[in-house]
């Protein structure tokens, strides 16, 4: 999965209770301790990177816009 695809899946998980593999994966990532996060990062680097950047953003909604998910009008 590409980083951009991971960002889209993260957005859908955050806003529509995504109930597929990636929805469950983001739930697991959000609950993982540092050791398990590192393990998940080995298998799912794009998803973990997207989640880490989003969860540490000062404004998570603005972060999605900055990722190019929406047209800036």
Protein backbone atom coordinates (compact mmCIF):
# COMPACT_ATOMS: atom_id res chain seq x y z
CA UNK A 1 0.00 0.00 0.00
CA UNK A 2 1.27 3.46 -0.82
CA UNK A 3 1.45 6.24 1.75
CA UNK A 4 -1.34 8.16 -0.01
CA UNK A 5 -3.59 5.09 0.02
CA UNK A 6 -2.84 4.64 3.71
CA UNK A 7 -3.85 8.25 4.39
CA UNK A 8 -7.17 7.67 2.59
CA UNK A 9 -7.85 4.53 4.62
CA UNK A 10 -6.96 6.41 7.81
CA UNK A 11 -9.42 9.15 6.89
CA UNK A 12 -12.20 6.64 6.25
CA UNK A 13 -11.40 4.85 9.53
CA UNK A 14 -11.54 8.12 11.44
CA UNK A 15 -14.73 9.41 9.85
CA UNK A 16 -16.88 6.41 8.99
CA UNK A 17 -15.96 3.55 11.32
CA UNK A 18 -14.31 1.65 8.49
CA UNK A 19 -14.98 -2.02 9.06
CA UNK A 20 -12.47 -3.79 6.84
CA UNK A 21 -8.91 -5.01 7.31
CA UNK A 22 -7.41 -1.52 7.35
CA UNK A 23 -10.06 -0.25 9.74
CA UNK A 24 -9.14 -3.00 12.17
CA UNK A 25 -5.45 -2.38 11.54
CA UNK A 26 -5.77 1.30 12.47
CA UNK A 27 -7.62 0.30 15.63
CA UNK A 28 -4.74 -2.01 16.52
CA UNK A 29 -2.13 0.62 15.67
CA UNK A 30 -3.91 3.14 17.89
CA UNK A 31 -3.82 0.72 20.84
CA UNK A 32 -0.29 -0.63 20.35
CA UNK A 33 2.45 0.03 22.88
CA UNK A 34 5.87 1.11 21.58
CA UNK A 35 7.14 -2.47 21.14
CA UNK A 36 4.08 -3.65 19.24
CA UNK A 37 3.98 -0.44 17.19
CA UNK A 38 7.55 -1.18 16.08
CA UNK A 39 6.48 -4.67 15.02
CA UNK A 40 3.48 -3.34 13.12
CA UNK A 41 5.77 -0.80 11.45
CA UNK A 42 7.81 -3.66 9.97
CA UNK A 43 4.77 -5.14 8.25
CA UNK A 44 2.73 -1.99 7.58
CA UNK A 45 5.13 0.95 7.25
CA UNK A 46 2.86 3.27 5.23
CA UNK A 47 -0.08 2.76 7.57
CA UNK A 48 2.01 3.26 10.71
CA UNK A 49 3.70 6.36 9.32
CA UNK A 50 0.37 7.89 8.30
CA UNK A 51 -1.14 7.15 11.71
CA UNK A 52 1.89 8.51 13.60
CA UNK A 53 1.92 11.75 11.61
CA UNK A 54 -1.85 12.20 11.90
CA UNK A 55 -2.00 11.42 15.62
CA UNK A 56 0.83 13.88 16.38
CA UNK A 57 -0.49 16.68 14.18
CA UNK A 58 -1.54 19.85 16.01
CA UNK A 59 -4.74 19.88 13.94
CA UNK A 60 -5.59 16.37 12.67
CA UNK A 61 -8.34 17.60 10.33
CA UNK A 62 -6.02 20.16 8.75
CA UNK A 63 -3.44 17.39 8.39
CA UNK A 64 -5.81 15.47 6.11
CA UNK A 65 -6.26 18.57 3.96
CA UNK A 66 -2.49 19.02 3.83
CA UNK A 67 -2.18 15.48 2.50
CA UNK A 68 -4.14 16.47 -0.59
CA UNK A 69 -7.31 14.50 0.16
CA UNK A 70 -9.51 17.48 -0.54
CA UNK A 71 -9.57 20.23 -3.10
CA UNK A 72 -8.54 23.51 -1.57
CA UNK A 73 -11.24 25.93 -2.65
